[in-house]
N, C-alpha and C. Protein backbone atom coordinates (compact mmCIF):
# COMPACT_ATOMS: atom_id res chain seq x y z
N MET A 1 -14.15 36.80 22.03
CA MET A 1 -14.26 35.90 21.03
C MET A 1 -13.74 34.70 21.41
N GLY A 2 -12.68 34.97 22.60
CA GLY A 2 -12.37 33.58 23.53
C GLY A 2 -13.37 32.83 24.07
N LEU A 3 -14.58 33.58 24.66
CA LEU A 3 -15.71 33.02 25.24
C LEU A 3 -16.66 32.99 24.55
N ILE A 4 -16.76 32.69 23.18
CA ILE A 4 -17.80 32.44 22.23
C ILE A 4 -17.14 31.04 21.89
N PHE A 5 -15.74 30.97 21.22
CA PHE A 5 -15.16 29.87 21.31
C PHE A 5 -15.28 28.56 22.31
N SER A 6 -14.87 29.09 23.53
CA SER A 6 -14.86 28.04 24.66
C SER A 6 -16.15 27.54 24.96
N ARG A 7 -17.37 28.41 24.40
CA ARG A 7 -18.86 27.95 24.63
C ARG A 7 -19.01 26.99 23.66
N ASN A 8 -18.70 27.46 22.21
CA ASN A 8 -19.05 26.36 21.06
C ASN A 8 -18.20 25.38 21.27
N LEU A 9 -16.89 25.20 21.70
CA LEU A 9 -16.13 23.95 22.12
C LEU A 9 -16.92 23.00 23.09
N PHE A 10 -17.55 23.93 24.05
CA PHE A 10 -18.08 23.05 25.39
C PHE A 10 -19.08 22.32 24.55
N ILE A 11 -20.12 22.84 23.75
CA ILE A 11 -21.46 22.10 23.18
C ILE A 11 -20.86 20.86 22.36
N LEU A 12 -19.67 21.38 21.52
CA LEU A 12 -19.07 20.40 20.52
C LEU A 12 -18.34 19.43 21.19
N LEU A 13 -17.84 19.25 22.11
CA LEU A 13 -17.29 18.22 22.73
C LEU A 13 -18.09 16.85 22.79
N PRO A 14 -19.19 17.31 23.53
CA PRO A 14 -20.20 16.33 23.94
C PRO A 14 -20.67 15.52 22.62
N VAL A 15 -20.90 16.11 21.85
CA VAL A 15 -21.58 15.64 20.30
C VAL A 15 -20.60 15.32 19.54
N LEU A 16 -19.30 15.43 19.60
CA LEU A 16 -18.45 14.55 19.03
C LEU A 16 -17.57 13.14 19.77
N TRP A 17 -17.89 13.48 21.03
CA TRP A 17 -18.18 12.31 22.25
C TRP A 17 -18.99 11.04 21.80
N CYS A 18 -20.41 11.69 21.51
CA CYS A 18 -21.19 11.00 21.20
C CYS A 18 -21.01 9.76 19.73
N LEU A 19 -20.64 10.63 19.01
CA LEU A 19 -20.33 10.20 17.77
C LEU A 19 -19.24 9.01 18.06
N MET A 20 -18.35 9.24 18.42
CA MET A 20 -17.06 8.50 18.54
C MET A 20 -17.66 6.94 19.53
N VAL A 21 -18.30 7.18 19.94
CA VAL A 21 -18.85 6.11 21.19
C VAL A 21 -20.23 5.38 20.51
N THR A 22 -20.91 5.90 19.66
CA THR A 22 -22.26 5.47 19.11
C THR A 22 -21.96 4.05 18.59
N PRO A 23 -22.07 2.98 18.62
CA PRO A 23 -21.72 2.11 17.60
C PRO A 23 -22.81 2.16 16.22
N GLY A 24 -22.37 2.28 15.42
CA GLY A 24 -22.93 2.15 13.96
C GLY A 24 -22.94 3.35 13.43
N LEU A 25 -22.45 4.62 13.69
CA LEU A 25 -22.91 5.79 13.12
C LEU A 25 -21.34 5.74 12.55
N ALA A 26 -20.13 5.58 12.75
CA ALA A 26 -19.19 5.77 12.06
C ALA A 26 -18.49 4.35 12.00
N ALA A 27 -18.92 3.26 11.13
CA ALA A 27 -18.21 2.41 10.91
C ALA A 27 -16.93 2.25 10.43
N PRO A 28 -15.89 1.29 10.95
CA PRO A 28 -14.44 1.63 10.52
C PRO A 28 -14.46 0.85 9.11
N PRO A 29 -13.53 1.48 8.66
CA PRO A 29 -13.62 1.10 7.12
C PRO A 29 -13.12 -0.76 7.18
N ASP A 30 -13.85 -1.49 6.24
CA ASP A 30 -13.44 -2.69 6.50
C ASP A 30 -11.97 -3.37 5.73
N GLU A 31 -11.57 -4.26 5.78
CA GLU A 31 -9.96 -4.74 5.48
C GLU A 31 -9.60 -4.63 4.09
N GLU A 32 -10.57 -4.48 3.34
CA GLU A 32 -10.20 -4.45 1.82
C GLU A 32 -10.11 -3.25 1.67
N ALA A 33 -11.04 -2.44 2.08
CA ALA A 33 -10.74 -0.75 1.63
C ALA A 33 -9.60 -0.39 2.41
N LEU A 34 -9.06 -0.65 3.84
CA LEU A 34 -7.35 -0.50 3.97
C LEU A 34 -6.32 -0.90 3.14
N LYS A 35 -6.64 -1.93 2.74
CA LYS A 35 -5.62 -2.70 1.70
C LYS A 35 -5.63 -1.74 0.65
N ALA A 36 -6.50 -1.07 -0.05
CA ALA A 36 -6.54 -0.14 -0.91
C ALA A 36 -5.83 0.86 -0.82
N ALA A 37 -6.10 1.10 0.54
CA ALA A 37 -5.92 2.79 1.32
C ALA A 37 -4.50 2.72 1.35
N TYR A 38 -3.62 1.49 2.09
CA TYR A 38 -2.38 1.34 2.25
C TYR A 38 -1.37 1.57 0.44
N THR A 39 -2.25 0.59 -0.40
CA THR A 39 -1.51 0.57 -1.59
C THR A 39 -1.69 1.93 -2.16
N LEU A 40 -2.44 3.04 -2.10
CA LEU A 40 -2.45 4.25 -2.58
C LEU A 40 -1.49 5.16 -1.89
N ASN A 41 -1.47 4.98 -1.01
CA ASN A 41 -0.12 5.75 0.03
C ASN A 41 1.15 5.41 0.00
N PHE A 42 1.42 4.09 -0.33
CA PHE A 42 2.61 3.67 -0.36
C PHE A 42 3.35 4.69 -1.39
N PRO A 43 3.10 5.23 -2.75
CA PRO A 43 3.81 5.74 -3.43
C PRO A 43 4.18 6.83 -3.13
N LYS A 44 3.46 7.59 -1.96
CA LYS A 44 3.79 8.78 -1.37
C LYS A 44 5.06 8.54 -0.81
N PHE A 45 5.57 7.70 -0.47
CA PHE A 45 6.74 7.52 0.51
C PHE A 45 7.90 6.61 -0.13
N ILE A 46 8.05 6.42 -1.45
CA ILE A 46 8.86 5.93 -2.53
C ILE A 46 9.35 6.74 -3.26
N GLU A 47 10.60 6.85 -3.83
CA GLU A 47 11.50 7.19 -4.74
C GLU A 47 11.77 6.59 -5.57
N TRP A 48 11.38 6.97 -6.81
CA TRP A 48 11.93 6.19 -8.11
C TRP A 48 13.32 6.91 -8.83
N SER A 49 14.14 6.08 -9.00
CA SER A 49 15.04 6.74 -9.99
C SER A 49 14.71 7.13 -11.06
N ASN A 50 14.00 6.61 -11.97
CA ASN A 50 13.37 7.02 -13.04
C ASN A 50 11.94 7.86 -12.88
N SER A 51 11.73 8.74 -11.85
CA SER A 51 10.70 9.04 -11.47
C SER A 51 9.47 9.57 -12.34
N PRO A 52 8.08 8.58 -11.93
CA PRO A 52 7.20 8.96 -13.06
C PRO A 52 6.83 10.62 -12.47
N GLN A 53 6.40 11.17 -14.03
CA GLN A 53 6.24 12.72 -14.02
C GLN A 53 4.79 12.93 -13.66
N ASN A 54 3.81 13.01 -14.57
CA ASN A 54 2.68 13.51 -14.66
C ASN A 54 1.46 12.68 -14.16
N SER A 55 1.92 11.29 -14.04
CA SER A 55 0.86 10.08 -13.51
C SER A 55 1.88 8.76 -13.09
N LEU A 56 0.54 8.28 -12.30
CA LEU A 56 1.46 7.39 -11.47
C LEU A 56 0.76 5.80 -12.04
N GLN A 57 0.95 5.07 -12.74
CA GLN A 57 0.08 4.07 -13.12
C GLN A 57 0.19 2.72 -11.97
N ILE A 58 -0.92 2.02 -11.59
CA ILE A 58 -1.24 1.13 -10.48
C ILE A 58 -1.68 -0.32 -11.71
N CYS A 59 -0.77 -1.16 -11.60
CA CYS A 59 -1.34 -2.21 -12.45
C CYS A 59 -1.55 -3.56 -11.65
N LEU A 60 -2.43 -4.03 -12.00
CA LEU A 60 -3.60 -4.93 -11.06
C LEU A 60 -3.54 -6.32 -11.52
N VAL A 61 -3.29 -7.41 -10.75
CA VAL A 61 -3.32 -8.63 -11.12
C VAL A 61 -4.87 -9.54 -10.42
N GLY A 62 -5.58 -10.05 -10.93
CA GLY A 62 -6.60 -10.54 -9.80
C GLY A 62 -7.70 -9.89 -10.16
N ASP A 63 -8.71 -10.34 -9.87
CA ASP A 63 -10.17 -9.99 -9.48
C ASP A 63 -10.80 -9.72 -8.47
N THR A 64 -10.17 -9.00 -7.22
CA THR A 64 -10.75 -9.19 -6.00
C THR A 64 -11.67 -7.74 -5.82
N ARG A 65 -12.17 -7.58 -4.59
CA ARG A 65 -12.64 -6.17 -3.98
C ARG A 65 -11.70 -5.05 -4.10
N VAL A 66 -10.36 -5.58 -3.55
CA VAL A 66 -9.42 -4.85 -3.30
C VAL A 66 -8.90 -3.94 -4.55
N THR A 67 -8.79 -5.29 -5.78
CA THR A 67 -8.22 -4.26 -6.93
C THR A 67 -9.74 -3.58 -7.46
N LYS A 68 -10.98 -3.81 -7.37
CA LYS A 68 -11.89 -3.15 -7.87
C LYS A 68 -11.78 -1.97 -7.14
N LEU A 69 -11.13 -1.66 -5.57
CA LEU A 69 -11.21 -0.51 -5.25
C LEU A 69 -10.24 0.53 -5.73
N LEU A 70 -9.07 0.01 -6.04
CA LEU A 70 -7.91 0.39 -6.59
C LEU A 70 -8.26 0.85 -8.02
N ASN A 71 -8.94 0.41 -8.99
CA ASN A 71 -9.28 0.60 -10.26
C ASN A 71 -10.34 1.95 -10.22
N ASP A 72 -11.20 1.94 -9.06
CA ASP A 72 -12.36 2.97 -8.82
C ASP A 72 -11.56 4.32 -8.51
N ALA A 73 -10.29 4.36 -8.11
CA ALA A 73 -9.51 5.17 -7.61
C ALA A 73 -8.89 5.84 -8.85
N ALA A 74 -8.99 5.22 -9.93
CA ALA A 74 -8.12 6.29 -11.00
C ALA A 74 -8.62 7.37 -11.35
N GLY A 75 -7.94 8.24 -11.83
CA GLY A 75 -8.00 9.65 -12.03
C GLY A 75 -8.01 10.73 -10.32
N SER A 76 -7.59 9.75 -9.39
CA SER A 76 -7.19 10.60 -8.24
C SER A 76 -6.02 11.41 -8.50
N ASP A 77 -5.35 12.29 -7.36
CA ASP A 77 -4.28 12.42 -7.41
C ASP A 77 -3.53 12.09 -6.12
N ILE A 78 -2.30 11.38 -6.46
CA ILE A 78 -1.47 10.41 -5.41
C ILE A 78 -0.05 11.34 -5.76
N ALA A 79 0.30 11.98 -4.70
CA ALA A 79 1.42 12.88 -4.63
C ALA A 79 1.66 13.54 -5.75
N GLY A 80 0.71 14.39 -6.42
CA GLY A 80 0.89 15.36 -7.14
C GLY A 80 1.13 14.76 -8.63
N ARG A 81 0.70 13.59 -8.78
CA ARG A 81 0.45 12.56 -10.03
C ARG A 81 -1.08 12.41 -9.91
N THR A 82 -1.40 12.21 -11.52
CA THR A 82 -2.80 11.64 -11.54
C THR A 82 -2.83 10.10 -11.67
N LEU A 83 -3.57 9.23 -10.73
CA LEU A 83 -3.33 8.17 -10.97
C LEU A 83 -4.54 7.26 -12.04
N LYS A 84 -3.45 6.69 -12.56
CA LYS A 84 -4.27 5.51 -13.85
C LYS A 84 -4.08 4.16 -13.37
N THR A 85 -5.04 3.31 -13.80
CA THR A 85 -4.91 1.81 -13.36
C THR A 85 -5.17 0.81 -14.61
N ARG A 86 -4.45 -0.51 -14.56
CA ARG A 86 -4.99 -1.21 -15.67
C ARG A 86 -4.93 -2.62 -14.97
N ARG A 87 -5.54 -3.75 -15.61
CA ARG A 87 -5.19 -4.71 -15.37
C ARG A 87 -4.46 -5.78 -16.00
N VAL A 88 -3.58 -6.68 -15.47
CA VAL A 88 -2.40 -6.99 -16.14
C VAL A 88 -2.13 -8.43 -15.99
N GLN A 89 -1.74 -9.09 -16.93
CA GLN A 89 -1.34 -10.98 -17.01
C GLN A 89 0.23 -10.36 -16.59
N LEU A 90 0.40 -11.63 -15.78
CA LEU A 90 1.98 -11.73 -15.72
C LEU A 90 1.99 -13.08 -15.98
N PRO A 91 3.61 -13.16 -16.81
CA PRO A 91 4.78 -12.10 -16.63
C PRO A 91 4.86 -11.12 -17.14
N GLY A 92 4.22 -10.96 -18.15
CA GLY A 92 4.16 -9.73 -19.45
C GLY A 92 3.47 -8.79 -18.91
N GLN A 93 2.78 -8.16 -19.71
CA GLN A 93 2.27 -6.80 -19.61
C GLN A 93 2.67 -5.74 -18.70
N VAL A 94 3.82 -5.49 -18.16
CA VAL A 94 4.23 -4.57 -17.07
C VAL A 94 4.81 -3.35 -17.42
N GLU A 95 4.97 -3.30 -18.71
CA GLU A 95 5.38 -1.71 -19.16
C GLU A 95 4.79 -0.72 -18.61
N GLY A 96 5.62 0.33 -17.98
CA GLY A 96 4.60 1.44 -17.76
C GLY A 96 4.21 1.48 -16.40
N CYS A 97 4.06 0.41 -15.92
CA CYS A 97 3.61 0.26 -14.55
C CYS A 97 4.53 0.61 -13.10
N HIS A 98 3.98 1.88 -12.43
CA HIS A 98 5.11 2.07 -11.13
C HIS A 98 4.93 1.19 -10.31
N VAL A 99 3.53 0.48 -10.00
CA VAL A 99 2.73 -0.28 -8.68
C VAL A 99 2.37 -1.23 -9.65
N LEU A 100 2.67 -2.59 -9.02
CA LEU A 100 1.88 -3.65 -9.11
C LEU A 100 1.30 -4.55 -8.12
N TYR A 101 -0.04 -4.29 -7.92
CA TYR A 101 -0.66 -5.08 -6.78
C TYR A 101 -1.16 -6.28 -7.19
N ILE A 102 -0.79 -7.40 -6.83
CA ILE A 102 -0.95 -8.67 -6.86
C ILE A 102 -2.32 -9.37 -5.91
N ALA A 103 -2.77 -9.49 -6.53
CA ALA A 103 -4.09 -9.95 -5.35
C ALA A 103 -4.18 -11.54 -5.50
N GLU A 104 -4.00 -12.19 -6.64
CA GLU A 104 -4.27 -13.42 -7.07
C GLU A 104 -3.24 -13.87 -7.82
N LEU A 105 -2.50 -15.17 -7.26
CA LEU A 105 -1.67 -15.44 -8.17
C LEU A 105 -0.97 -16.87 -7.50
N GLU A 106 -1.10 -18.16 -7.88
CA GLU A 106 -0.78 -19.49 -7.35
C GLU A 106 0.71 -19.41 -7.26
N ALA A 107 0.99 -19.82 -6.05
CA ALA A 107 2.50 -19.67 -5.27
C ALA A 107 3.88 -19.73 -6.33
N ASN A 108 3.75 -20.98 -7.03
CA ASN A 108 4.71 -21.12 -7.75
C ASN A 108 4.87 -20.24 -9.14
N ARG A 109 3.60 -20.12 -9.48
CA ARG A 109 3.55 -18.43 -10.56
C ARG A 109 3.91 -17.45 -10.25
N LEU A 110 4.05 -17.01 -8.64
CA LEU A 110 4.14 -15.62 -7.97
C LEU A 110 5.53 -15.69 -8.04
N ARG A 111 6.19 -16.94 -7.53
CA ARG A 111 7.62 -16.93 -7.53
C ARG A 111 8.31 -16.52 -8.89
N ARG A 112 8.03 -17.13 -9.83
CA ARG A 112 8.30 -17.05 -11.20
C ARG A 112 7.91 -15.66 -11.86
N SER A 113 7.33 -15.10 -11.75
CA SER A 113 6.70 -13.70 -11.96
C SER A 113 7.54 -12.60 -11.32
N LEU A 114 7.76 -13.04 -9.76
CA LEU A 114 8.63 -12.07 -9.03
C LEU A 114 9.90 -11.75 -9.67
N ALA A 115 10.31 -12.99 -9.85
CA ALA A 115 11.86 -13.36 -10.34
C ALA A 115 11.96 -12.43 -11.49
N ALA A 116 11.02 -12.70 -12.79
CA ALA A 116 10.62 -11.99 -13.91
C ALA A 116 10.97 -10.72 -13.85
N LEU A 117 10.26 -9.83 -12.85
CA LEU A 117 10.42 -8.67 -12.38
C LEU A 117 11.59 -7.79 -11.68
N ALA A 118 12.31 -8.63 -11.11
CA ALA A 118 13.48 -8.44 -10.44
C ALA A 118 14.27 -7.41 -10.85
N GLU A 119 14.38 -6.95 -12.07
CA GLU A 119 15.19 -5.94 -12.40
C GLU A 119 14.17 -4.67 -13.13
N SER A 120 12.93 -4.71 -12.94
CA SER A 120 12.30 -3.61 -13.23
C SER A 120 11.99 -2.62 -11.93
N PRO A 121 11.98 -1.47 -12.51
CA PRO A 121 11.73 -0.58 -11.21
C PRO A 121 10.24 -0.52 -10.99
N ILE A 122 9.83 -1.68 -10.63
CA ILE A 122 8.18 -1.75 -10.43
C ILE A 122 8.08 -2.01 -8.72
N LEU A 123 7.24 -1.02 -7.92
CA LEU A 123 6.52 -1.55 -6.66
C LEU A 123 5.98 -2.77 -6.30
N THR A 124 6.15 -3.62 -5.97
CA THR A 124 5.29 -4.88 -5.88
C THR A 124 5.17 -4.74 -4.29
N VAL A 125 3.51 -5.11 -4.61
CA VAL A 125 2.86 -4.99 -3.18
C VAL A 125 1.42 -6.36 -3.25
N SER A 126 1.40 -6.61 -2.13
CA SER A 126 0.54 -8.15 -1.98
C SER A 126 0.08 -8.08 -0.70
N ASP A 127 -1.59 -8.80 -0.95
CA ASP A 127 -1.72 -9.28 0.55
C ASP A 127 -1.44 -10.94 0.37
N LEU A 128 -0.82 -11.29 -0.41
CA LEU A 128 -1.15 -13.01 -0.60
C LEU A 128 0.25 -13.49 0.75
N PRO A 129 -0.03 -14.52 1.44
CA PRO A 129 0.86 -15.22 2.54
C PRO A 129 2.20 -15.71 1.73
N GLY A 130 3.19 -15.08 2.64
CA GLY A 130 4.38 -15.46 2.18
C GLY A 130 5.30 -14.54 0.96
N PHE A 131 4.11 -13.47 0.70
CA PHE A 131 4.79 -12.22 -0.35
C PHE A 131 6.14 -11.75 -0.18
N VAL A 132 6.38 -11.23 0.82
CA VAL A 132 7.86 -10.87 0.36
C VAL A 132 8.99 -11.82 0.78
N SER A 133 8.70 -12.99 1.32
CA SER A 133 9.62 -14.04 1.21
C SER A 133 9.64 -14.74 0.27
N ALA A 134 8.86 -14.62 -1.17
CA ALA A 134 9.00 -14.88 -2.38
C ALA A 134 9.39 -14.00 -3.67
N GLY A 135 9.91 -12.89 -2.72
CA GLY A 135 10.51 -11.74 -3.47
C GLY A 135 10.05 -10.29 -3.72
N GLY A 136 8.82 -10.41 -3.08
CA GLY A 136 7.99 -9.24 -3.12
C GLY A 136 8.42 -8.24 -2.36
N MET A 137 8.12 -7.19 -2.60
CA MET A 137 8.56 -5.89 -2.11
C MET A 137 8.03 -5.37 -0.65
N ILE A 138 6.38 -5.43 -0.56
CA ILE A 138 5.87 -4.79 0.13
C ILE A 138 4.35 -5.98 0.66
N GLY A 139 4.91 -6.40 1.93
CA GLY A 139 3.46 -7.67 1.79
C GLY A 139 2.60 -6.89 3.04
N LEU A 140 1.37 -7.05 2.89
CA LEU A 140 0.35 -6.94 3.64
C LEU A 140 -0.12 -8.19 4.52
N ILE A 141 -0.15 -7.70 5.56
CA ILE A 141 -0.29 -8.79 6.62
C ILE A 141 -1.23 -8.21 7.91
N ARG A 142 -1.54 -9.70 8.27
CA ARG A 142 -2.78 -9.48 9.64
C ARG A 142 -1.61 -9.50 10.97
N ASP A 143 -1.61 -8.62 11.83
CA ASP A 143 -0.81 -8.61 13.23
C ASP A 143 -1.86 -8.34 14.21
N GLY A 144 -2.10 -9.57 14.87
CA GLY A 144 -3.73 -9.86 15.44
C GLY A 144 -4.85 -9.30 14.79
N SER A 145 -5.60 -8.06 15.30
CA SER A 145 -6.59 -7.71 14.61
C SER A 145 -6.18 -6.33 13.77
N ARG A 146 -5.07 -6.20 13.61
CA ARG A 146 -4.28 -4.93 12.63
C ARG A 146 -3.91 -5.65 11.42
N LEU A 147 -4.11 -4.52 10.65
CA LEU A 147 -3.69 -4.76 9.06
C LEU A 147 -2.11 -4.19 9.35
N ARG A 148 -1.25 -4.57 8.99
CA ARG A 148 0.36 -4.02 8.84
C ARG A 148 1.03 -4.21 7.54
N PHE A 149 1.83 -4.01 7.54
CA PHE A 149 3.05 -4.42 6.31
C PHE A 149 4.53 -4.77 6.50
N GLU A 150 5.00 -5.63 5.90
CA GLU A 150 6.29 -5.85 6.11
C GLU A 150 7.02 -5.38 4.67
N ILE A 151 8.39 -4.87 4.77
CA ILE A 151 8.94 -4.43 3.37
C ILE A 151 10.28 -5.49 3.37
N ASP A 152 10.56 -5.25 2.16
CA ASP A 152 11.92 -5.89 1.84
C ASP A 152 12.92 -4.86 1.18
N LEU A 153 13.81 -4.37 1.51
CA LEU A 153 14.43 -3.13 0.97
C LEU A 153 15.73 -3.75 0.38
N LYS A 154 16.09 -4.87 0.05
CA LYS A 154 16.92 -5.32 -0.83
C LYS A 154 16.11 -4.96 -2.67
N PRO A 155 15.21 -6.06 -2.87
CA PRO A 155 14.65 -5.97 -4.23
C PRO A 155 14.49 -4.55 -4.65
N MET A 156 14.20 -3.58 -3.46
CA MET A 156 13.87 -2.46 -4.26
C MET A 156 14.72 -1.31 -4.19
N ARG A 157 15.78 -1.52 -3.52
CA ARG A 157 17.16 -1.04 -3.99
C ARG A 157 18.07 -1.45 -5.19
N ARG A 158 17.65 -2.84 -5.28
CA ARG A 158 18.21 -3.31 -6.57
C ARG A 158 17.59 -2.28 -7.74
N VAL A 159 16.69 -2.37 -7.72
CA VAL A 159 15.72 -1.52 -8.84
C VAL A 159 15.60 0.26 -8.89
N GLY A 160 16.34 0.51 -8.05
CA GLY A 160 16.52 1.95 -7.72
C GLY A 160 15.22 2.95 -7.24
N LEU A 161 14.43 1.81 -6.36
CA LEU A 161 13.66 2.67 -5.43
C LEU A 161 13.98 2.76 -4.29
N LEU A 162 13.57 3.61 -3.64
CA LEU A 162 14.08 4.24 -2.18
C LEU A 162 12.69 4.51 -1.21
N ALA A 163 12.79 3.49 -0.14
CA ALA A 163 11.82 3.77 0.95
C ALA A 163 12.26 4.95 1.75
N GLU A 164 11.39 5.61 1.75
CA GLU A 164 11.68 6.92 2.88
C GLU A 164 11.70 6.46 4.58
N ALA A 165 12.67 6.67 5.15
CA ALA A 165 12.33 6.75 6.67
C ALA A 165 10.93 6.17 7.18
N LYS A 166 10.53 7.26 7.39
CA LYS A 166 8.77 6.92 7.79
C LYS A 166 8.33 5.68 7.29
N LEU A 167 8.45 5.34 6.19
CA LEU A 167 7.82 4.20 5.19
C LEU A 167 8.43 2.93 6.64
N ILE A 168 9.56 2.92 6.52
CA ILE A 168 10.31 2.11 6.57
C ILE A 168 10.12 1.87 8.68
N ARG A 169 9.90 3.04 9.40
CA ARG A 169 9.48 2.91 10.57
C ARG A 169 8.08 2.58 10.94
N LEU A 170 6.95 2.76 9.77
CA LEU A 170 5.74 2.02 9.92
C LEU A 170 5.66 0.64 9.77
N ALA A 171 6.32 -0.08 9.27
CA ALA A 171 6.47 -1.46 8.83
C ALA A 171 6.77 -2.43 9.99
N VAL A 172 6.15 -3.43 9.93
CA VAL A 172 5.91 -4.42 11.26
C VAL A 172 7.36 -5.10 10.94
N ARG A 173 8.13 -5.72 9.75
CA ARG A 173 9.29 -6.04 9.77
C ARG A 173 9.68 -5.85 8.53
N VAL A 174 11.31 -5.10 8.73
CA VAL A 174 11.87 -4.79 7.64
C VAL A 174 12.76 -6.10 7.14
N TYR A 175 13.01 -6.06 6.13
CA TYR A 175 14.03 -7.15 5.77
C TYR A 175 14.90 -6.64 4.71
N TYR A 176 16.35 -7.46 4.33
CA TYR A 176 16.90 -6.88 3.77
C TYR A 176 17.38 -8.24 2.66
N GLY A 177 16.76 -8.74 1.78
CA GLY A 177 17.05 -9.78 1.33
C GLY A 177 16.73 -11.54 2.03
N GLY A 178 15.89 -11.08 2.69
CA GLY A 178 15.34 -12.44 3.32
C GLY A 178 15.69 -12.15 4.88
N ALA A 179 16.58 -11.41 5.05
CA ALA A 179 17.26 -11.39 6.74
C ALA A 179 16.19 -10.54 7.13
N VAL A 180 16.04 -10.40 8.45
CA VAL A 180 15.07 -9.78 9.24
C VAL A 180 16.03 -8.52 9.89
N ASP A 181 16.05 -7.45 9.03
CA ASP A 181 16.84 -5.92 9.45
C ASP A 181 16.15 -5.47 10.60
N ARG A 182 14.98 -5.55 11.02
CA ARG A 182 14.19 -5.01 11.96
C ARG A 182 13.03 -5.69 12.44
N ASN A 183 12.79 -6.18 13.62
CA ASN A 183 11.67 -6.49 13.94
C ASN A 183 11.14 -5.98 15.29
N PRO A 184 10.57 -5.06 15.53
CA PRO A 184 9.93 -4.26 16.44
C PRO A 184 9.36 -5.18 17.52
N GLN A 185 8.66 -6.32 17.34
CA GLN A 185 8.40 -7.00 18.05
C GLN A 185 8.97 -7.82 19.53
């Protein structure tokens, strides 16, 4: 048994190595797909005080490739809950949303919308520049050639959302109401 396993592993390793180093065979995911994947995974590390039961609703603002990818994920399983998506207009139409992904919004309207949502238990996520400083909870940012995220715990705690320690450790910057709580760089 051990000899057969070793022989198969010996044959398989060079094949795997060729697949890893051969350009074009396994293209890395593009940035928009990564943004969608991050957004779909954040709820796995968030505890809601009024926990979503059977479904998780992600509401979408804007019409970008990221929002299309998120919309296409409807029906999938996210942490044991069925994913539902819908497009919304801000500042209204957010009742029933657990996560709000904002892809497009003018800066002044963004600040006003986030202020209007300040007491709602909705996890706000965006890739817009300055999102966290405008009052958002999780901002997707470029860090050199990598896609990372920053998180502000104060607005999350204010509405009863609790980020697991694992998520906080992965953030490139952690804020508590605008002040940097942790910056690993």
